PDB file of N, CA and C in Angstrom:
ATOM      1  N   MET A   1      -2.403  11.811  -4.946  1.00  0.00           N
ATOM      2  CA  MET A   1      -3.918  10.203  -4.973  1.00  0.00           C
ATOM      3  C   MET A   1      -4.294   9.850  -5.703  1.00  0.00           C
ATOM      4  N   ALA A   2      -3.950  10.205  -6.594  1.00  0.00           N
ATOM      5  CA  ALA A   2      -4.596   9.438  -8.002  1.00  0.00           C
ATOM      6  C   ALA A   2      -3.704   8.741  -8.094  1.00  0.00           C
ATOM      7  N   ARG A   3      -2.515   8.423  -8.057  1.00  0.00           N
ATOM      8  CA  ARG A   3      -1.859   7.391  -8.464  1.00  0.00           C
ATOM      9  C   ARG A   3      -2.381   5.849  -6.874  1.00  0.00           C
ATOM     10  N   ILE A   4      -1.534   6.826  -5.795  1.00  0.00           N
ATOM     11  CA  ILE A   4      -1.842   5.256  -4.708  1.00  0.00           C
ATOM     12  C   ILE A   4      -3.924   4.867  -4.902  1.00  0.00           C
ATOM     13  N   VAL A   5      -4.610   5.284  -5.891  1.00  0.00           N
ATOM     14  CA  VAL A   5      -5.994   5.185  -5.639  1.00  0.00           C
ATOM     15  C   VAL A   5      -5.986   4.018  -6.852  1.00  0.00           C
ATOM     16  N   ASN A   6      -4.445   4.610  -8.157  1.00  0.00           N
ATOM     17  CA  ASN A   6      -4.567   2.872  -8.940  1.00  0.00           C
ATOM     18  C   ASN A   6      -3.969   1.757  -8.596  1.00  0.00           C
ATOM     19  N   VAL A   7      -3.657   1.588  -7.431  1.00  0.00           N
ATOM     20  CA  VAL A   7      -2.695   0.949  -7.236  1.00  0.00           C
ATOM     21  C   VAL A   7      -3.095   0.573  -5.865  1.00  0.00           C
ATOM     22  N   LEU A   8      -3.539   0.270  -5.016  1.00  0.00           N
ATOM     23  CA  LEU A   8      -4.310   0.109  -4.032  1.00  0.00           C
ATOM     24  C   LEU A   8      -6.146  -0.462  -4.306  1.00  0.00           C
ATOM     25  N   GLY A   9      -6.814   0.599  -5.557  1.00  0.00           N
ATOM     26  CA  GLY A   9      -7.636   0.395  -5.985  1.00  0.00           C
ATOM     27  C   GLY A   9      -9.356   1.576  -4.855  1.00  0.00           C
ATOM     28  N   SER A  10      -9.685   1.615  -5.624  1.00  0.00           N
ATOM     29  CA  SER A  10     -11.159   2.854  -5.050  1.00  0.00           C
ATOM     30  C   SER A  10     -12.152   2.481  -4.327  1.00  0.00           C
ATOM     31  N   ASP A  11     -12.351   0.758  -3.941  1.00  0.00           N
ATOM     32  CA  ASP A  11     -12.855  -0.031  -2.892  1.00  0.00           C
ATOM     33  C   ASP A  11     -12.698   0.153  -1.599  1.00  0.00           C
ATOM     34  N   GLY A  12     -11.458   0.471  -1.883  1.00  0.00           N
ATOM     35  CA  GLY A  12     -10.673   0.508  -0.126  1.00  0.00           C
ATOM     36  C   GLY A  12     -10.200   1.900   0.136  1.00  0.00           C
ATOM     37  N   LEU A  13     -10.478   2.277  -1.075  1.00  0.00           N
ATOM     38  CA  LEU A  13     -11.059   4.509  -0.796  1.00  0.00           C
ATOM     39  C   LEU A  13     -11.620   4.807  -0.413  1.00  0.00           C
ATOM     40  N   LYS A  14     -12.995   4.570  -0.472  1.00  0.00           N
ATOM     41  CA  LYS A  14     -14.419   4.563  -0.196  1.00  0.00           C
ATOM     42  C   LYS A  14     -14.736   3.888   0.683  1.00  0.00           C
ATOM     43  N   ASP A  15     -14.166   2.719   1.678  1.00  0.00           N
ATOM     44  CA  ASP A  15     -14.293   1.956   2.547  1.00  0.00           C
ATOM     45  C   ASP A  15     -13.832   3.193   3.995  1.00  0.00           C
ATOM     46  N   TYR A  16     -12.745   3.081   4.036  1.00  0.00           N
ATOM     47  CA  TYR A  16     -11.756   4.222   4.229  1.00  0.00           C
ATOM     48  C   TYR A  16     -12.972   5.330   5.101  1.00  0.00           C
ATOM     49  N   LEU A  17     -12.984   6.052   4.016  1.00  0.00           N
ATOM     50  CA  LEU A  17     -14.045   7.477   3.433  1.00  0.00           C
ATOM     51  C   LEU A  17     -15.659   7.371   4.275  1.00  0.00           C
ATOM     52  N   LYS A  18     -15.964   6.081   4.813  1.00  0.00           N
ATOM     53  CA  LYS A  18     -16.829   5.951   5.097  1.00  0.00           C
ATOM     54  C   LYS A  18     -16.388   5.522   6.256  1.00  0.00           C
ATOM     55  N   LYS A  19     -16.414   4.695   6.236  1.00  0.00           N
ATOM     56  CA  LYS A  19     -15.190   4.615   8.221  1.00  0.00           C
ATOM     57  C   LYS A  19     -14.950   5.018   8.869  1.00  0.00           C
ATOM     58  N   TYR A  20     -14.320   6.571   8.032  1.00  0.00           N
ATOM     59  CA  TYR A  20     -14.376   7.892   8.964  1.00  0.00           C
ATOM     60  C   TYR A  20     -15.133   9.323   8.581  1.00  0.00           C
ATOM     61  N   LYS A  21     -16.366   9.017   7.854  1.00  0.00           N
ATOM     62  CA  LYS A  21     -17.186  10.430   7.701  1.00  0.00           C
ATOM     63  C   LYS A  21     -17.005  11.060   6.224  1.00  0.00           C
ATOM     64  N   LEU A  22     -15.824  10.959   6.007  1.00  0.00           N
ATOM     65  CA  LEU A  22     -14.910  11.943   5.197  1.00  0.00           C
ATOM     66  C   LEU A  22     -15.529  11.622   3.970  1.00  0.00           C
ATOM     67  N   THR A  23     -14.935  13.012   2.968  1.00  0.00           N
ATOM     68  CA  THR A  23     -15.102  12.934   1.549  1.00  0.00           C
ATOM     69  C   THR A  23     -13.615  13.969   1.247  1.00  0.00           C
ATOM     70  N   LEU A  24     -13.351  13.393  -0.075  1.00  0.00           N
ATOM     71  CA  LEU A  24     -13.129  13.943  -0.809  1.00  0.00           C
ATOM     72  C   LEU A  24     -13.171  15.180  -1.165  1.00  0.00           C
ATOM     73  N   PRO A  25     -11.934  16.198  -1.172  1.00  0.00           N
ATOM     74  CA  PRO A  25     -11.253  17.733  -2.109  1.00  0.00           C
ATOM     75  C   PRO A  25     -12.011  17.630  -3.281  1.00  0.00           C
ATOM     76  N   SER A  26     -13.371  18.337  -4.003  1.00  0.00           N
ATOM     77  CA  SER A  26     -13.727  18.448  -5.287  1.00  0.00           C
ATOM     78  C   SER A  26     -12.583  18.262  -6.697  1.00  0.00           C
ATOM     79  N   PRO A  27     -11.813  18.861  -5.891  1.00  0.00           N
ATOM     80  CA  PRO A  27     -10.078  18.477  -7.204  1.00  0.00           C
ATOM     81  C   PRO A  27      -9.758  17.264  -7.465  1.00  0.00           C
ATOM     82  N   VAL A  28     -10.303  16.564  -6.056  1.00  0.00           N
ATOM     83  CA  VAL A  28      -8.689  15.262  -5.881  1.00  0.00           C
ATOM     84  C   VAL A  28     -10.374  14.045  -6.503  1.00  0.00           C
ATOM     85  N   ALA A  29     -11.674  14.766  -6.014  1.00  0.00           N
ATOM     86  CA  ALA A  29     -12.533  13.417  -6.682  1.00  0.00           C
ATOM     87  C   ALA A  29     -12.627  13.525  -8.020  1.00  0.00           C
ATOM     88  N   LYS A  30     -12.600  14.431  -8.566  1.00  0.00           N
ATOM     89  CA  LYS A  30     -12.283  14.442  -9.695  1.00  0.00           C
ATOM     90  C   LYS A  30     -11.083  13.410 -11.060  1.00  0.00           C
ATOM     91  N   VAL A  31     -10.058  13.741 -10.005  1.00  0.00           N
ATOM     92  CA  VAL A  31      -8.947  13.253 -10.424  1.00  0.00           C
ATOM     93  C   VAL A  31      -8.356  11.707 -10.012  1.00  0.00           C
ATOM     94  N   VAL A  32      -9.528  11.766  -9.064  1.00  0.00           N
ATOM     95  CA  VAL A  32      -9.787   9.936  -8.572  1.00  0.00           C
ATOM     96  C   VAL A  32     -10.366   8.570  -9.327  1.00  0.00           C
ATOM     97  N   LYS A  33     -10.257   7.847 -10.348  1.00  0.00           N
ATOM     98  CA  LYS A  33     -11.274   7.313 -10.914  1.00  0.00           C
ATOM     99  C   LYS A  33     -11.420   6.239 -10.123  1.00  0.00           C
ATOM    100  N   ASN A  34     -12.269   5.110 -10.603  1.00  0.00           N
ATOM    101  CA  ASN A  34     -13.297   3.338  -9.393  1.00  0.00           C
ATOM    102  C   ASN A  34     -11.944   2.578 -10.651  1.00  0.00           C
ATOM    103  N   CYS A  35     -11.066   2.122 -10.110  1.00  0.00           N
ATOM    104  CA  CYS A  35      -9.953   1.155 -10.495  1.00  0.00           C
ATOM    105  C   CYS A  35      -9.985   0.084  -8.769  1.00  0.00           C
ATOM    106  N   ASP A  36      -9.538  -1.147  -9.835  1.00  0.00           N
ATOM    107  CA  ASP A  36      -9.542  -2.061  -8.962  1.00  0.00           C
ATOM    108  C   ASP A  36      -7.798  -2.128  -8.540  1.00  0.00           C
ATOM    109  N   THR A  37      -7.889  -2.926  -7.262  1.00  0.00           N
ATOM    110  CA  THR A  37      -6.265  -3.440  -6.487  1.00  0.00           C
ATOM    111  C   THR A  37      -5.395  -3.664  -7.360  1.00  0.00           C
ATOM    112  N   VAL A  38      -4.144  -2.958  -7.680  1.00  0.00           N
ATOM    113  CA  VAL A  38      -3.460  -3.733  -8.104  1.00  0.00           C
ATOM    114  C   VAL A  38      -2.261  -5.213  -7.408  1.00  0.00           C
ATOM    115  N   PRO A  39      -2.599  -6.007  -7.738  1.00  0.00           N
ATOM    116  CA  PRO A  39      -1.048  -7.324  -7.213  1.00  0.00           C
ATOM    117  C   PRO A  39       0.349  -6.624  -7.538  1.00  0.00           C
ATOM    118  N   TYR A  40       0.170  -6.901  -6.491  1.00  0.00           N
ATOM    119  CA  TYR A  40       2.102  -6.399  -6.551  1.00  0.00           C
ATOM    120  C   TYR A  40       2.578  -6.806  -7.142  1.00  0.00           C
ATOM    121  N   GLU A  41       2.881  -8.168  -7.406  1.00  0.00           N
ATOM    122  CA  GLU A  41       3.969  -9.091  -8.288  1.00  0.00           C
ATOM    123  C   GLU A  41       3.778  -8.750  -9.677  1.00  0.00           C
ATOM    124  N   SER A  42       2.323  -8.194 -10.082  1.00  0.00           N
ATOM    125  CA  SER A  42       2.040  -7.143 -11.436  1.00  0.00           C
ATOM    126  C   SER A  42       2.895  -6.453 -11.950  1.00  0.00           C
ATOM    127  N   LEU A  43       3.587  -5.789 -10.542  1.00  0.00           N
ATOM    128  CA  LEU A  43       4.684  -4.522 -10.843  1.00  0.00           C
ATOM    129  C   LEU A  43       5.686  -5.142 -11.226  1.00  0.00           C
ATOM    130  N   ILE A  44       6.119  -6.278 -10.523  1.00  0.00           N
ATOM    131  CA  ILE A  44       7.878  -7.021 -11.069  1.00  0.00           C
ATOM    132  C   ILE A  44       7.798  -7.203 -11.940  1.00  0.00           C
ATOM    133  N   ASN A  45       8.403  -6.303 -12.983  1.00  0.00           N
ATOM    134  CA  ASN A  45       9.377  -6.606 -14.325  1.00  0.00           C
ATOM    135  C   ASN A  45      10.743  -7.211 -14.916  1.00  0.00           C
ATOM    136  N   ALA A  46      11.274  -7.071 -15.755  1.00  0.00           N
ATOM    137  CA  ALA A  46      12.692  -7.195 -15.667  1.00  0.00           C
ATOM    138  C   ALA A  46      13.841  -6.437 -14.687  1.00  0.00           C
ATOM    139  N   ARG A  47      12.829  -5.454 -14.076  1.00  0.00           N
ATOM    140  CA  ARG A  47      14.700  -4.123 -14.242  1.00  0.00           C
ATOM    141  C   ARG A  47      14.880  -4.731 -12.386  1.00  0.00           C
ATOM    142  N   ASN A  48      13.447  -5.058 -12.311  1.00  0.00           N
ATOM    143  CA  ASN A  48      13.138  -4.868 -10.486  1.00  0.00           C
ATOM    144  C   ASN A  48      13.535  -6.175 -10.204  1.00  0.00           C
ATOM    145  N   GLN A  49      12.916  -7.244 -11.258  1.00  0.00           N
ATOM    146  CA  GLN A  49      12.384  -8.965 -10.307  1.00  0.00           C
ATOM    147  C   GLN A  49      14.265  -8.967  -8.995  1.00  0.00           C
ATOM    148  N   ASP A  50      14.955  -8.576  -9.644  1.00  0.00           N
ATOM    149  CA  ASP A  50      16.100  -8.923  -8.577  1.00  0.00           C
ATOM    150  C   ASP A  50      15.996  -9.089  -7.519  1.00  0.00           C
ATOM    151  N   ARG A  51      14.923  -6.968  -6.953  1.00  0.00           N
ATOM    152  CA  ARG A  51      14.963  -6.367  -5.691  1.00  0.00           C
ATOM    153  C   ARG A  51      14.488  -7.102  -4.878  1.00  0.00           C
ATOM    154  N   VAL A  52      13.286  -7.712  -5.862  1.00  0.00           N
ATOM    155  CA  VAL A  52      12.370  -8.002  -4.967  1.00  0.00           C
ATOM    156  C   VAL A  52      11.938  -9.570  -4.833  1.00  0.00           C
ATOM    157  N   THR A  53      12.161  -9.133  -2.738  1.00  0.00           N
ATOM    158  CA  THR A  53      11.042 -10.596  -2.107  1.00  0.00           C
ATOM    159  C   THR A  53       9.784 -10.798  -1.720  1.00  0.00           C
ATOM    160  N   LYS A  54       9.582 -12.748  -1.457  1.00  0.00           N
ATOM    161  CA  LYS A  54       7.719 -12.654  -0.481  1.00  0.00           C
ATOM    162  C   LYS A  54       8.237 -12.022   0.573  1.00  0.00           C
ATOM    163  N   GLU A  55       8.954 -11.660   1.498  1.00  0.00           N
ATOM    164  CA  GLU A  55       8.696 -10.993   2.322  1.00  0.00           C
ATOM    165  C   GLU A  55       8.532  -9.057   1.695  1.00  0.00           C
ATOM    166  N   GLY A  56       9.059  -8.920   1.027  1.00  0.00           N
ATOM    167  CA  GLY A  56       9.526  -7.362   1.225  1.00  0.00           C
ATOM    168  C   GLY A  56       8.509  -7.105   0.439  1.00  0.00           C
ATOM    169  N   ILE A  57       7.051  -7.530  -0.431  1.00  0.00           N
ATOM    170  CA  ILE A  57       6.071  -7.584  -1.301  1.00  0.00           C
ATOM    171  C   ILE A  57       5.345  -7.831   0.259  1.00  0.00           C
ATOM    172  N   ASP A  58       5.505  -7.785   0.779  1.00  0.00           N
ATOM    173  CA  ASP A  58       4.736  -8.423   1.984  1.00  0.00           C
ATOM    174  C   ASP A  58       4.868  -7.532   3.095  1.00  0.00           C
ATOM    175  N   LEU A  59       6.429  -6.974   3.218  1.00  0.00           N
ATOM    176  CA  LEU A  59       5.803  -5.120   3.452  1.00  0.00           C
ATOM    177  C   LEU A  59       5.397  -5.162   3.368  1.00  0.00           C
ATOM    178  N   LEU A  60       5.103  -4.075   1.827  1.00  0.00           N
ATOM    179  CA  LEU A  60       4.669  -3.441   1.133  1.00  0.00           C
ATOM    180  C   LEU A  60       3.202  -3.467   1.366  1.00  0.00           C
ATOM    181  N   ARG A  61       2.409  -4.711   1.474  1.00  0.00           N
ATOM    182  CA  ARG A  61       0.867  -5.013   1.568  1.00  0.00           C
ATOM    183  C   ARG A  61       0.988  -4.091   3.184  1.00  0.00           C
ATOM    184  N   LYS A  62       1.989  -4.488   4.147  1.00  0.00           N
ATOM    185  CA  LYS A  62       1.037  -4.399   4.976  1.00  0.00           C
ATOM    186  C   LYS A  62       1.255  -3.203   5.212  1.00  0.00           C
ATOM    187  N   MET A  63       2.270  -1.847   5.222  1.00  0.00           N
ATOM    188  CA  MET A  63       2.982  -0.827   4.916  1.00  0.00           C
ATOM    189  C   MET A  63       1.909   0.080   4.234  1.00  0.00           C
ATOM    190  N   LEU A  64       1.168  -0.472   2.895  1.00  0.00           N
ATOM    191  CA  LEU A  64       0.597   1.245   1.621  1.00  0.00           C
ATOM    192  C   LEU A  64      -0.702   0.417   2.135  1.00  0.00           C
ATOM    193  N   VAL A  65      -1.531   0.659   3.685  1.00  0.00           N
ATOM    194  CA  VAL A  65      -2.548   0.725   3.358  1.00  0.00           C
ATOM    195  C   VAL A  65      -3.475   1.762   4.059  1.00  0.00           C
ATOM    196  N   TYR A  66      -4.591   2.166   2.752  1.00  0.00           N
ATOM    197  CA  TYR A  66      -5.374   3.490   3.362  1.00  0.00           C
ATOM    198  C   TYR A  66      -5.489   4.334   5.033  1.00  0.00           C
ATOM    199  N   ASP A  67      -5.785   3.169   5.851  1.00  0.00           N
ATOM    200  CA  ASP A  67      -6.166   3.602   6.742  1.00  0.00           C
ATOM    201  C   ASP A  67      -4.897   3.325   8.247  1.00  0.00           C
ATOM    202  N   LYS A  68      -5.005   4.426   8.526  1.00  0.00           N
ATOM    203  CA  LYS A  68      -3.807   4.376   9.314  1.00  0.00           C
ATOM    204  C   LYS A  68      -3.607   4.083  10.703  1.00  0.00           C
ATOM    205  N   ASN A  69      -4.618   2.967  10.942  1.00  0.00           N
ATOM    206  CA  ASN A  69      -5.217   2.738  11.943  1.00  0.00           C
ATOM    207  C   ASN A  69      -4.677   0.969  11.490  1.00  0.00           C
ATOM    208  N   ASN A  70      -4.575   0.636  10.485  1.00  0.00           N
ATOM    209  CA  ASN A  70      -4.639  -0.655  10.287  1.00  0.00           C
ATOM    210  C   ASN A  70      -3.449  -1.719   9.316  1.00  0.00           C
ATOM    211  N   ARG A  71      -2.601  -0.748  10.585  1.00  0.00           N
ATOM    212  CA  ARG A  71      -1.107   0.709   8.662  1.00  0.00           C
ATOM    213  C   ARG A  71      -0.273  -0.241   9.638  1.00  0.00           C
ATOM    214  N   ILE A  72       0.725  -1.277   9.216  1.00  0.00           N
ATOM    215  CA  ILE A  72       1.969  -2.024  10.138  1.00  0.00           C
ATOM    216  C   ILE A  72       2.193  -0.741  11.185  1.00  0.00           C
ATOM    217  N   THR A  73       2.806  -0.879  12.374  1.00  0.00           N
ATOM    218  CA  THR A  73       3.849   0.162  12.960  1.00  0.00           C
ATOM    219  C   THR A  73       5.086   0.075  12.925  1.00  0.00           C
ATOM    220  N   PRO A  74       6.027   1.554  12.888  1.00  0.00           N
ATOM    221  CA  PRO A  74       7.257   1.542  12.060  1.00  0.00           C
ATOM    222  C   PRO A  74       7.887   0.946  13.404  1.00  0.00           C
ATOM    223  N   ARG A  75       7.738   0.929  14.632  1.00  0.00           N
ATOM    224  CA  ARG A  75       8.210  -0.602  15.422  1.00  0.00           C
ATOM    225  C   ARG A  75       7.877  -2.017  14.501  1.00  0.00           C
ATOM    226  N   ASP A  76       7.220  -3.208  14.887  1.00  0.00           N
ATOM    227  CA  ASP A  76       6.924  -3.061  14.070  1.00  0.00           C
ATOM    228  C   ASP A  76       7.297  -3.840  12.269  1.00  0.00           C
ATOM    229  N   ALA A  77       7.148  -2.704  11.498  1.00  0.00           N
ATOM    230  CA  ALA A  77       7.631  -3.039   9.932  1.00  0.00           C
ATOM    231  C   ALA A  77       9.583  -3.382  10.180  1.00  0.00           C
ATOM    232  N   MET A  78      10.102  -2.694  11.464  1.00  0.00           N
ATOM    233  CA  MET A  78      11.485  -3.319  11.661  1.00  0.00           C
ATOM    234  C   MET A  78      11.045  -4.694  12.175  1.00  0.00           C
ATOM    235  N   LYS A  79      10.435  -4.567  12.661  1.00  0.00           N
ATOM    236  CA  LYS A  79      10.890  -7.042  12.997  1.00  0.00           C
ATOM    237  C   LYS A  79      10.579  -7.377  12.519  1.00  0.00           C
ATOM    238  N   HIS A  80      10.610  -6.726  10.923  1.00  0.00           N
ATOM    239  CA  HIS A  80       9.565  -8.186   9.554  1.00  0.00           C
ATOM    240  C   HIS A  80      10.473  -8.444   9.345  1.00  0.00           C
ATOM    241  N   GLU A  81      10.560  -9.852   9.132  1.00  0.00           N
ATOM    242  CA  GLU A  81      11.228 -11.007   8.334  1.00  0.00           C
ATOM    243  C   GLU A  81      12.258  -9.975   7.119  1.00  0.00           C
ATOM    244  N   TYR A  82      12.019  -9.232   6.642  1.00  0.00           N
ATOM    245  CA  TYR A  82      12.071  -8.471   5.769  1.00  0.00           C
ATOM    246  C   TYR A  82      13.918  -7.792   6.281  1.00  0.00           C
ATOM    247  N   PHE A  83      13.591  -7.673   7.191  1.00  0.00           N
ATOM    248  CA  PHE A  83      14.399  -7.063   7.210  1.00  0.00           C
ATOM    249  C   PHE A  83      15.404  -7.709   8.186  1.00  0.00           C
ATOM    250  N   ALA A  84      15.828  -9.207   8.394  1.00  0.00           N
ATOM    251  CA  ALA A  84      15.941 -10.281   9.469  1.00  0.00           C
ATOM    252  C   ALA A  84      17.568 -10.135   8.772  1.00  0.00           C
ATOM    253  N   PRO A  85      17.593  -9.510   7.064  1.00  0.00           N
ATOM    254  CA  PRO A  85      19.751 -10.334   6.893  1.00  0.00           C
ATOM    255  C   PRO A  85      20.295  -9.169   6.793  1.00  0.00           C
ATOM    256  N   ILE A  86      19.872  -7.659   7.795  1.00  0.00           N
ATOM    257  CA  ILE A  86      20.661  -7.284   8.453  1.00  0.00           C
ATOM    258  C   ILE A  86      20.397  -6.258   9.952  1.00  0.00           C
ATOM    259  N   ARG A  87      19.678  -7.220  10.335  1.00  0.00           N
ATOM    260  CA  ARG A  87      19.252  -6.528  11.676  1.00  0.00           C
ATOM    261  C   ARG A  87      20.495  -7.053  12.386  1.00  0.00           C
ATOM    262  N   LEU A  88      20.297  -6.304  13.334  1.00  0.00           N
ATOM    263  CA  LEU A  88      21.692  -6.607  14.462  1.00  0.00           C
ATOM    264  C   LEU A  88      21.513  -7.731  15.073  1.00  0.00           C
ATOM    265  N   MET A  89      22.348  -8.247  16.193  1.00  0.00           N
ATOM    266  CA  MET A  89      22.475  -9.230  16.743  1.00  0.00           C
ATOM    267  C   MET A  89      22.756  -8.572  18.378  1.00  0.00           C
TER     268      MET A  89
END
């Protein structure tokens, strides 16, 4: 959980918890720190840059969302432009 928060940011988690009136279990709350959202582009480096596309980053943004109600559905994810090169005609 802490690694997820380190990328998605703590503000989004707090908003999600507040929206659904949830609380984190105390062991989890102890390891979750306040942090900003990390731009996905900052995770690109020399070892992975050959496999990164703007479509891939866009799909990740739509998939990696705290609130499942705001997350892209699997059906829509499969229709995403990222998969256009391998989509069957």
